[in-house]
Structure formats: C-alpha cells, structure tokens
Protein backbone atom coordinates (compact mmCIF):
# COMPACT_ATOMS: atom_id res chain seq x y z
CA MET A 1 -23.62 37.40 116.77
CA ARG A 2 -24.07 38.35 113.24
CA PRO A 3 -27.74 38.38 112.03
CA ARG A 4 -28.66 35.25 109.57
CA PHE A 5 -30.12 36.22 106.09
CA ARG A 6 -32.69 34.12 104.30
CA ARG A 7 -33.56 34.71 100.61
CA ARG A 8 -37.34 35.33 100.22
CA ASN A 9 -39.50 33.29 98.09
CA VAL A 10 -41.21 35.43 96.09
CA ALA A 11 -43.14 32.93 94.18
CA SER A 12 -44.58 31.58 97.46
CA GLU A 13 -45.66 34.91 98.83
CA GLY A 14 -47.69 35.95 95.81
CA THR A 15 -47.52 38.98 93.42
CA GLU A 16 -48.82 41.63 96.25
CA SER A 17 -45.22 41.75 97.39
CA LEU A 18 -43.92 43.05 94.02
CA GLY A 19 -46.51 46.05 94.00
CA PRO A 20 -48.36 46.89 90.79
CA SER A 21 -47.77 44.65 87.77
CA ILE A 22 -47.22 46.02 84.15
CA PRO A 23 -49.93 44.42 81.72
CA ASP A 24 -48.52 42.26 78.99
CA GLY A 25 -48.23 44.15 75.71
CA LEU A 26 -48.30 47.75 77.32
CA TRP A 27 -44.78 48.26 75.98
CA SER A 28 -42.72 47.19 72.75
CA LYS A 29 -39.22 47.27 72.00
CA CYS A 30 -38.01 48.68 68.63
CA PRO A 31 -35.67 45.93 66.79
CA ARG A 32 -33.32 48.49 65.23
CA CYS A 33 -32.75 51.21 68.12
CA ARG A 34 -33.95 49.04 71.01
CA GLU A 35 -35.90 51.85 72.71
CA LEU A 36 -39.01 50.95 74.63
CA ILE A 37 -42.23 52.40 72.89
CA TYR A 38 -45.77 52.61 74.39
CA THR A 39 -47.55 50.00 72.00
CA ARG A 40 -50.57 52.42 71.33
CA GLU A 41 -48.34 55.25 70.29
CA PHE A 42 -46.64 52.66 68.18
CA GLU A 43 -49.99 51.45 66.46
CA ARG A 44 -51.11 55.00 66.04
CA ASN A 45 -47.91 55.80 64.27
CA HIS A 46 -48.53 52.90 61.74
CA SER A 47 -46.13 50.45 63.36
CA VAL A 48 -43.38 53.07 62.56
CA CYS A 49 -40.75 53.61 65.66
CA PRO A 50 -41.13 57.24 66.42
CA ARG A 51 -37.63 57.32 67.75
CA CYS A 52 -35.61 55.98 64.48
CA GLY A 53 -38.25 55.48 61.73
CA TYR A 54 -38.13 51.69 61.51
CA HIS A 55 -41.02 50.53 59.72
CA ALA A 56 -42.09 47.18 61.36
CA ARG A 57 -43.90 44.47 58.88
CA LEU A 58 -47.60 44.36 58.52
CA THR A 59 -49.94 41.67 57.64
CA ALA A 60 -51.54 42.16 54.23
CA ARG A 61 -55.07 43.15 55.87
CA GLN A 62 -53.26 45.60 58.11
CA ARG A 63 -51.85 47.29 54.96
CA ILE A 64 -55.08 47.31 53.53
CA ALA A 65 -56.77 48.75 56.42
CA LEU A 66 -54.28 51.55 56.51
CA ILE A 67 -54.43 52.54 52.81
CA VAL A 68 -57.96 52.36 51.62
CA ASP A 69 -60.88 54.46 52.47
CA PRO A 70 -63.18 52.51 55.59
CA GLU A 71 -65.47 49.82 54.29
CA SER A 72 -64.38 50.19 50.56
CA PHE A 73 -62.35 46.95 50.27
CA VAL A 74 -64.15 44.33 48.21
CA GLU A 75 -62.09 41.15 47.92
CA TRP A 76 -61.54 39.36 44.57
CA ASP A 77 -61.18 35.47 44.22
CA ALA A 78 -61.11 34.98 48.02
CA GLY A 79 -61.60 31.41 47.47
CA LEU A 80 -58.60 30.34 45.38
CA SER A 81 -56.06 28.23 47.34
CA PRO A 82 -52.89 26.12 46.33
CA ALA A 83 -53.03 22.57 44.75
CA ASP A 84 -49.97 20.28 44.83
CA PRO A 85 -48.92 19.59 41.09
CA LEU A 86 -45.81 17.77 41.79
CA GLN A 87 -46.72 16.10 45.02
CA PHE A 88 -43.65 17.63 46.75
CA VAL A 89 -42.43 16.57 49.80
CA ALA A 90 -39.74 18.27 51.85
CA LEU A 91 -37.96 16.82 54.70
CA GLY A 92 -40.59 14.33 55.45
CA GLU A 93 -43.40 17.09 55.17
CA PRO A 94 -45.83 17.24 52.15
CA TYR A 95 -46.78 20.28 50.63
CA PRO A 96 -50.38 20.27 51.29
CA ARG A 97 -49.35 20.11 54.99
CA LYS A 98 -47.35 23.21 54.91
CA VAL A 99 -50.06 25.11 52.81
CA ALA A 100 -52.58 24.13 55.75
CA GLU A 101 -50.38 25.25 58.39
CA ALA A 102 -49.60 28.53 56.59
CA GLN A 103 -53.38 29.18 56.22
CA GLU A 104 -54.04 28.48 60.01
CA ARG A 105 -51.29 30.56 60.96
CA SER A 106 -51.60 33.76 58.64
CA GLY A 107 -55.43 33.40 58.08
CA GLU A 108 -55.16 33.70 54.58
CA ARG A 109 -55.65 31.05 51.62
CA GLU A 110 -52.94 32.25 49.59
CA ALA A 111 -49.96 34.71 49.90
CA LEU A 112 -51.55 37.37 47.96
CA VAL A 113 -54.89 39.19 48.69
CA THR A 114 -56.49 41.20 45.95
CA GLY A 115 -59.62 43.53 45.65
CA ALA A 116 -61.18 46.64 44.66
CA ALA A 117 -61.30 49.94 46.90
CA THR A 118 -61.10 53.58 46.92
CA ILE A 119 -58.08 55.75 48.25
CA LEU A 120 -59.31 59.22 48.95
CA GLY A 121 -62.12 58.72 46.81
CA VAL A 122 -59.71 57.29 43.69
CA PRO A 123 -60.65 53.94 42.42
CA VAL A 124 -57.99 51.25 42.55
CA GLY A 125 -57.29 47.76 42.14
CA LEU A 126 -54.98 45.96 44.88
CA ALA A 127 -52.76 43.16 45.26
CA VAL A 128 -51.14 42.99 48.79
CA ALA A 129 -48.66 40.35 49.53
CA GLU A 130 -48.96 38.21 53.08
CA PHE A 131 -45.27 37.58 54.19
CA GLY A 132 -46.73 35.40 56.89
CA PHE A 133 -47.88 32.86 54.23
CA LEU A 134 -44.75 30.81 53.50
CA GLY A 135 -42.66 34.07 53.08
CA ALA A 136 -44.96 35.42 50.34
CA SER A 137 -43.35 32.86 47.91
CA MET A 138 -45.06 33.36 44.45
CA GLY A 139 -46.79 30.23 43.32
CA SER A 140 -49.20 29.19 40.42
CA VAL A 141 -52.16 30.73 42.50
CA PHE A 142 -50.22 33.63 43.47
CA GLY A 143 -49.88 34.26 40.07
CA GLU A 144 -53.24 33.68 38.85
CA LYS A 145 -54.69 35.92 41.50
CA PHE A 146 -52.22 38.81 40.50
CA ALA A 147 -53.16 38.14 36.63
CA ARG A 148 -56.65 38.31 37.27
CA ALA A 149 -56.57 41.47 39.41
CA ALA A 150 -54.49 43.35 36.82
CA GLU A 151 -56.88 42.42 34.21
CA ARG A 152 -59.87 43.16 36.04
CA ALA A 153 -58.30 46.66 37.22
CA ALA A 154 -58.14 47.53 33.66
CA VAL A 155 -61.54 46.50 32.67
CA GLU A 156 -63.03 48.41 35.47
CA ASP A 157 -60.86 51.32 34.63
CA ARG A 158 -59.03 51.36 37.94
CA ALA A 159 -55.38 52.20 38.56
CA PHE A 160 -53.44 49.15 39.79
CA ILE A 161 -51.26 49.21 43.10
CA VAL A 162 -49.33 46.28 44.44
CA PHE A 163 -47.55 45.93 47.62
CA ALA A 164 -44.67 43.62 46.90
CA SER A 165 -43.06 41.67 49.62
CA SER A 166 -41.82 38.23 48.96
CA GLY A 167 -38.70 35.79 49.50
CA GLY A 168 -39.04 34.46 45.84
CA ALA A 169 -40.53 31.78 43.91
CA ARG A 170 -42.06 28.89 45.57
CA MET A 171 -39.79 26.05 45.48
CA HIS A 172 -42.64 23.57 46.25
CA GLU A 173 -44.31 23.95 42.58
CA GLY A 174 -40.94 23.93 40.79
CA VAL A 175 -41.37 25.16 37.16
CA PHE A 176 -45.13 26.04 37.84
CA SER A 177 -44.10 28.94 40.10
CA LEU A 178 -41.17 29.99 37.44
CA PHE A 179 -44.23 30.16 35.00
CA GLN A 180 -45.59 33.04 36.97
CA LEU A 181 -42.71 35.71 36.01
CA PRO A 182 -43.91 36.04 32.64
CA LYS A 183 -47.59 35.56 33.51
CA THR A 184 -47.72 38.48 35.55
CA ILE A 185 -45.45 40.80 33.39
CA VAL A 186 -47.90 40.17 30.44
CA ALA A 187 -51.02 40.64 32.73
CA VAL A 188 -50.00 44.16 33.41
CA GLU A 189 -50.04 45.15 29.76
CA SER A 190 -53.75 45.42 29.87
CA LEU A 191 -53.27 48.32 32.18
CA SER A 192 -50.87 49.97 29.72
CA GLU A 193 -53.23 49.32 26.63
CA ARG A 194 -55.97 51.42 28.82
CA ARG A 195 -53.19 54.06 29.94
CA LEU A 196 -53.82 53.09 33.44
CA PRO A 197 -51.09 53.61 36.22
CA PHE A 198 -49.63 50.52 37.68
CA ILE A 199 -47.72 51.14 40.86
CA THR A 200 -45.49 49.00 43.14
CA VAL A 201 -44.83 49.57 46.68
CA LEU A 202 -41.57 47.60 47.77
CA VAL A 203 -41.70 46.49 51.43
CA ASP A 204 -39.44 44.73 53.25
CA PRO A 205 -38.37 42.10 52.25
CA CYS A 206 -38.72 41.85 48.56
CA TYR A 207 -36.68 39.45 46.62
CA GLY A 208 -36.11 36.54 44.16
CA GLY A 209 -38.75 36.32 41.35
CA VAL A 210 -40.92 38.74 42.68
CA THR A 211 -38.39 41.38 41.90
CA ALA A 212 -37.17 39.85 38.91
CA SER A 213 -40.84 40.17 37.45
CA PHE A 214 -43.83 42.36 37.97
CA ALA A 215 -42.30 44.46 41.09
CA THR A 216 -39.83 46.47 39.02
CA VAL A 217 -41.67 46.99 35.62
CA ALA A 218 -44.12 49.43 37.03
CA ASP A 219 -44.99 52.77 35.84
CA LEU A 220 -43.98 54.26 39.24
CA ILE A 221 -41.90 52.00 41.67
CA LEU A 222 -41.96 53.14 45.51
CA ALA A 223 -40.52 51.84 48.29
CA GLU A 224 -40.88 51.94 52.33
CA PRO A 225 -37.68 53.22 54.03
CA GLY A 226 -35.23 50.68 55.27
CA ALA A 227 -36.89 47.97 52.62
CA MET A 228 -34.42 45.39 51.82
CA ILE A 229 -35.02 44.70 48.08
CA GLY A 230 -32.95 42.51 45.58
CA PHE A 231 -32.85 39.28 43.90
CA ALA A 232 -30.53 36.90 45.71
CA GLY A 233 -29.35 37.87 49.37
CA PRO A 234 -26.34 39.62 50.00
CA ARG A 235 -24.71 36.61 51.43
CA VAL A 236 -25.19 34.72 48.61
CA ILE A 237 -23.78 37.27 46.38
CA GLU A 238 -20.78 37.53 48.51
CA GLN A 239 -20.27 33.76 48.32
CA VAL A 240 -20.42 33.93 44.56
CA THR A 241 -18.42 37.04 43.68
CA ARG A 242 -16.05 36.78 46.64
CA GLN A 243 -16.40 40.50 47.34
CA LYS A 244 -17.29 42.65 50.16
CA LEU A 245 -20.70 44.52 49.21
CA PRO A 246 -20.96 48.08 49.90
CA ALA A 247 -22.64 49.28 53.31
CA GLY A 248 -26.35 49.22 52.94
CA PHE A 249 -26.23 47.31 49.93
CA GLN A 250 -30.01 46.12 48.73
CA SER A 251 -31.55 48.67 50.98
CA ALA A 252 -34.15 51.04 49.64
CA GLU A 253 -32.05 53.96 50.00
CA PHE A 254 -29.13 52.52 48.13
CA LEU A 255 -31.47 51.71 45.23
CA LEU A 256 -32.88 54.98 45.31
CA GLN A 257 -29.29 56.70 45.20
CA HIS A 258 -28.50 54.36 41.91
CA GLY A 259 -31.69 55.01 40.27
CA MET A 260 -33.61 51.69 40.48
CA ILE A 261 -36.65 52.71 42.27
CA ASP A 262 -38.47 56.13 42.04
CA ALA A 263 -39.06 57.42 45.54
CA ILE A 264 -39.09 56.36 49.22
CA VAL A 265 -42.24 57.08 50.98
CA PRO A 266 -42.83 56.93 54.77
CA ARG A 267 -45.67 54.89 55.76
CA PRO A 268 -47.95 57.45 57.25
CA ARG A 269 -47.72 59.46 54.03
CA LEU A 270 -48.46 56.65 51.84
CA ARG A 271 -52.18 56.97 51.71
CA GLU A 272 -52.13 60.68 50.54
CA GLU A 273 -49.33 60.26 48.07
CA LEU A 274 -50.75 57.12 46.37
CA ALA A 275 -53.73 59.25 45.44
CA HIS A 276 -52.12 61.95 44.50
CA TYR A 277 -49.75 59.89 42.01
CA ILE A 278 -52.73 58.42 40.51
CA ARG A 279 -54.30 61.85 39.97
CA LEU A 280 -51.15 63.07 38.49
CA LEU A 281 -50.79 60.03 36.05
CA THR A 282 -54.37 60.06 34.97
CA ASN A 283 -54.25 64.04 34.44
CA GLN A 284 -56.85 64.49 37.38
CA HIS A 285 -56.50 67.80 39.34
CA SER A 286 -54.70 67.42 42.75
CA ALA A 287 -55.70 70.20 44.98
CA SER A 288 -52.72 69.79 47.57
CA PRO A 289 -49.53 67.94 45.92
CA VAL A 290 -47.54 66.25 48.36
CA SER A 291 -43.76 65.71 49.00
CA PHE A 292 -41.81 62.37 48.62
CA VAL A 293 -38.10 61.59 49.14
CA THR A 294 -36.26 62.12 45.86
CA ARG A 295 -32.76 60.76 44.94
CA GLN A 296 -31.40 64.24 45.44
CA GLU A 297 -33.03 64.62 48.82
CA SER A 298 -31.56 61.14 49.81
CA ASP A 299 -28.02 62.36 48.97
CA ARG A 300 -27.86 65.07 51.22
C-alpha cells in the first residue's frame, strides 16, 4: 500500500517548527542592483549601496544630520505654514487637507527646511528640500522661506547651500507658486553683493520650476551620482518632440558631460568637499584639498 502524505499546517504548529526567524528590517534590497544589503551597513554608508553606488533618497532632516557639525543646526522660520489663497480643490479634496496630510506624513510644516549651521567649522546658511512633502513642490511659503534664508545668510556673512529636490511648482497655489521663480533668483543677489558663495546640490529628483530658477543659477552647481535633473520629464519631452531621447538623458552624469553642472560628488564625500569649496571661494586656506568628479573623469 502506498503511503499517504498530508500537507503540514505550519500556521497551526506555530513558528517554532520554522527555526529561528529573521528580524524585520535586518536586510534591505537595493532598488537598482537588487542585491540584499545589511541595513546597518547601508546606513553607515549614508544610504548608498556599497555594491552599485545607488544613492537612496533622504529626508531633509537626514541630510542636515549628514552634512553639518553635530548640534550646530539652528532652524529658521520653523513656524511658517502654507495658506490656501485660491481655495483650491482637486478631485474633491481641498488643498488644506492635502497640506495637513503632508505635514503629518513628513513631520514638516512646509517642503523646505532652512537654518544656520557649521560644516567642519565653516558657517553656512542652509535650505534643504523635503521631497516627502507634496514632492517638495515650490509654493509661496517655500519661496518665502528660501528668500528669507538667502537674505539672512548674507546679513550673517554665511555661505548659502541649497539641497534642491522637487517635482516643480505647486499647482494648488496657481500663479502664486510661479511668482516664486523670480523671487528666489532675486533673493540670492544679496549673496552676490557681499561676495558670499551660493552652492546648490541637486539630488534625485529635481524638476520643474526649481530647476528653472534658483537651482541652476548658483556659483557652483553640484549633484549626487545618478540624480535625475531637468524641467519636464523624459516622457513628456518625447511626446512633444516625437523623438527618442539619448540613453541616460537628464541624469547627473549626462548633464556633467554637457556642461550643465560643475561636479558630481558622492554622498560620503559631500561634507568635506562642501567645506573645501567654501574655503576656496572665500580665499580661506584649505589644508587638505579634496577631489571631485570632473567632466573629463566622467568621460573615461
């Protein structure tokens, strides 16, 4: 007689029969190379994949903690929050409700965090975009916080560093959001008048009105490896032009090869290089100059 086999009900037998379990969050999978990475190793490497160099997105607070000297950050204009000038409603959802949801989800009152800090002892003003807040879209409060930060950095004799990441202008505020394009450009003139460096770091993704305004008028334009940067998205451009775009179009590497940005800086080196660039641009002595990815190196 043939033996009869019966499927085991693992759920009813408990987890002991499965052996030791792996704690949640112990391993992470890289979105690019699909390799499993020990989560603590990933975090120690500044959320950069040690296998393929993929740079994962960071929150504004994570970026600040990564770049500035410990306990040196003092936030500016933390209480500013968006209004609803147009009483905008999209798909039955009022704009104030979307703002409230974004605030709860991101922990920020607006899509830009500004403040003062030091980087290896160098005083700076900072403006860091929070992509988790409505895609870091630029509305009237975003623009106001940016303008105030640039002008205050000039008054306090600080270089001004901006981490730019955005999906573009905030449609919920209509023409008020478009007003921020010239407003932010005019605001950084105060830095130029005092001969203070204005540096932007373009991180993935950076599109729309942000790219078309302050992000690309800086004294020095840096980018993280693999960042996607442009005005309209590749699909929109292909639909309008009816042409196939080059491979890697709008990547930081492509823009570097075509002279639209100045350097690509891997995240683990960014803190030291920012301090070096500021010292260089302000005629301060730098004891240990550092390297960065130039156009010639990227062509190799």
